[in-house]
Amino acid sequence: MIAAADGETAFAVQAALAARCAIAPADRTTREPGEPGVRLRFFLDLHQEAVL
């Protein structure tokens, strides 16, 4: 899970991680009422070797 100021930033981080390793991407962010920012939950394959 990542936390970001806005959805655009959260999806940019997800895209950067997806370019380097296998992830199951998310298609929407969540927001807690009364809390700043958004959260994006996705799953990273920790068994795959990272591509640098």
N, C-alpha and C. Protein backbone atom coordinates (compact mmCIF):
# COMPACT_ATOMS: atom_id res chain seq x y z
N MET A 1 0.85 -1.16 0.00
CA MET A 1 0.00 0.00 0.00
C MET A 1 0.89 1.22 0.00
N ILE A 2 0.48 2.22 -0.76
CA ILE A 2 1.18 3.50 -0.73
C ILE A 2 0.19 4.59 -0.35
N ALA A 3 0.69 5.64 0.22
CA ALA A 3 -0.11 6.82 0.54
C ALA A 3 0.46 7.97 -0.26
N ALA A 4 -0.43 8.80 -0.80
CA ALA A 4 0.01 9.93 -1.62
C ALA A 4 -0.95 11.10 -1.42
N ALA A 5 -0.52 12.26 -1.87
CA ALA A 5 -1.35 13.46 -1.74
C ALA A 5 -2.59 13.39 -2.64
N ASP A 6 -2.45 12.71 -3.80
CA ASP A 6 -3.57 12.63 -4.73
C ASP A 6 -3.48 11.35 -5.55
N GLY A 7 -4.55 11.05 -6.28
CA GLY A 7 -4.59 9.84 -7.09
C GLY A 7 -3.56 9.82 -8.20
N GLU A 8 -3.32 10.96 -8.81
CA GLU A 8 -2.34 11.03 -9.90
C GLU A 8 -0.95 10.60 -9.42
N THR A 9 -0.56 11.05 -8.26
CA THR A 9 0.74 10.68 -7.69
C THR A 9 0.77 9.20 -7.33
N ALA A 10 -0.30 8.71 -6.73
CA ALA A 10 -0.36 7.29 -6.35
C ALA A 10 -0.23 6.38 -7.56
N PHE A 11 -0.93 6.72 -8.66
CA PHE A 11 -0.84 5.89 -9.86
C PHE A 11 0.52 6.02 -10.54
N ALA A 12 1.19 7.16 -10.42
CA ALA A 12 2.53 7.32 -10.97
C ALA A 12 3.52 6.42 -10.24
N VAL A 13 3.40 6.33 -8.92
CA VAL A 13 4.27 5.43 -8.14
C VAL A 13 4.00 3.99 -8.53
N GLN A 14 2.73 3.63 -8.66
CA GLN A 14 2.38 2.27 -9.07
C GLN A 14 2.98 1.95 -10.44
N ALA A 15 2.92 2.86 -11.39
CA ALA A 15 3.48 2.65 -12.72
C ALA A 15 4.99 2.47 -12.66
N ALA A 16 5.65 3.26 -11.82
CA ALA A 16 7.11 3.14 -11.69
C ALA A 16 7.49 1.77 -11.13
N LEU A 17 6.75 1.29 -10.15
CA LEU A 17 7.03 -0.04 -9.60
C LEU A 17 6.71 -1.14 -10.61
N ALA A 18 5.64 -0.97 -11.37
CA ALA A 18 5.26 -1.97 -12.37
C ALA A 18 6.31 -2.09 -13.47
N ALA A 19 7.04 -1.02 -13.74
CA ALA A 19 8.09 -1.06 -14.76
C ALA A 19 9.29 -1.87 -14.30
N ARG A 20 9.43 -2.08 -13.00
CA ARG A 20 10.59 -2.78 -12.45
C ARG A 20 10.30 -4.19 -11.94
N CYS A 21 9.08 -4.49 -11.58
CA CYS A 21 8.77 -5.82 -11.05
C CYS A 21 7.29 -6.12 -11.27
N ALA A 22 6.91 -7.35 -11.02
CA ALA A 22 5.54 -7.79 -11.23
C ALA A 22 4.64 -7.31 -10.09
N ILE A 23 3.54 -6.68 -10.45
CA ILE A 23 2.56 -6.28 -9.45
C ILE A 23 1.17 -6.61 -9.97
N ALA A 24 0.25 -6.76 -9.06
CA ALA A 24 -1.17 -6.84 -9.39
C ALA A 24 -1.70 -5.42 -9.18
N PRO A 25 -1.88 -4.65 -10.26
CA PRO A 25 -2.21 -3.24 -10.12
C PRO A 25 -3.63 -2.99 -9.60
N ALA A 26 -3.79 -1.85 -8.98
CA ALA A 26 -5.09 -1.39 -8.50
C ALA A 26 -5.66 -0.41 -9.51
N ASP A 27 -6.97 -0.27 -9.53
CA ASP A 27 -7.59 0.65 -10.47
C ASP A 27 -8.28 1.83 -9.81
N ARG A 28 -8.23 1.87 -8.46
CA ARG A 28 -8.86 3.00 -7.77
C ARG A 28 -8.15 3.25 -6.45
N THR A 29 -8.23 4.48 -5.99
CA THR A 29 -7.66 4.85 -4.70
C THR A 29 -8.77 4.89 -3.66
N THR A 30 -8.39 4.90 -2.40
CA THR A 30 -9.35 5.06 -1.31
C THR A 30 -8.97 6.27 -0.50
N ARG A 31 -9.95 6.86 0.14
CA ARG A 31 -9.73 8.05 0.96
C ARG A 31 -10.47 7.84 2.28
N GLU A 32 -9.77 8.11 3.37
CA GLU A 32 -10.39 8.06 4.69
C GLU A 32 -11.04 9.40 4.98
N PRO A 33 -12.31 9.43 5.34
CA PRO A 33 -12.97 10.70 5.65
C PRO A 33 -12.22 11.45 6.75
N GLY A 34 -11.98 12.72 6.51
CA GLY A 34 -11.30 13.56 7.49
C GLY A 34 -9.78 13.47 7.47
N GLU A 35 -9.22 12.56 6.67
CA GLU A 35 -7.76 12.40 6.57
C GLU A 35 -7.28 12.95 5.23
N PRO A 36 -6.10 13.57 5.21
CA PRO A 36 -5.57 14.08 3.94
C PRO A 36 -5.03 12.96 3.07
N GLY A 37 -5.05 13.16 1.77
CA GLY A 37 -4.43 12.23 0.83
C GLY A 37 -5.28 11.01 0.50
N VAL A 38 -4.68 10.13 -0.27
CA VAL A 38 -5.33 8.90 -0.73
C VAL A 38 -4.42 7.71 -0.47
N ARG A 39 -4.98 6.53 -0.56
CA ARG A 39 -4.21 5.29 -0.44
C ARG A 39 -4.49 4.43 -1.66
N LEU A 40 -3.48 3.69 -2.06
CA LEU A 40 -3.60 2.78 -3.19
C LEU A 40 -3.02 1.45 -2.75
N ARG A 41 -3.82 0.41 -2.81
CA ARG A 41 -3.36 -0.92 -2.39
C ARG A 41 -3.18 -1.79 -3.63
N PHE A 42 -1.98 -2.34 -3.74
CA PHE A 42 -1.69 -3.29 -4.81
C PHE A 42 -0.73 -4.32 -4.27
N PHE A 43 -0.54 -5.40 -4.99
CA PHE A 43 0.28 -6.50 -4.50
C PHE A 43 1.52 -6.66 -5.36
N LEU A 44 2.66 -6.72 -4.69
CA LEU A 44 3.96 -6.85 -5.32
C LEU A 44 4.41 -8.30 -5.23
N ASP A 45 4.91 -8.84 -6.33
CA ASP A 45 5.43 -10.21 -6.34
C ASP A 45 6.86 -10.18 -5.81
N LEU A 46 7.04 -10.56 -4.56
CA LEU A 46 8.36 -10.51 -3.93
C LEU A 46 9.26 -11.67 -4.36
N HIS A 47 8.71 -12.63 -5.07
CA HIS A 47 9.51 -13.78 -5.49
C HIS A 47 10.20 -13.55 -6.84
N GLN A 48 9.80 -12.50 -7.55
CA GLN A 48 10.40 -12.21 -8.84
C GLN A 48 11.61 -11.30 -8.65
N GLU A 49 12.68 -11.58 -9.38
CA GLU A 49 13.87 -10.75 -9.29
C GLU A 49 13.60 -9.40 -9.93
N ALA A 50 14.01 -8.34 -9.29
CA ALA A 50 13.81 -6.99 -9.81
C ALA A 50 14.66 -6.74 -11.05
N VAL A 51 14.12 -6.01 -11.99
CA VAL A 51 14.84 -5.62 -13.20
C VAL A 51 15.37 -4.22 -12.99
N LEU A 52 16.66 -4.05 -13.04
CA LEU A 52 17.26 -2.73 -12.81
C LEU A 52 17.76 -2.11 -14.07
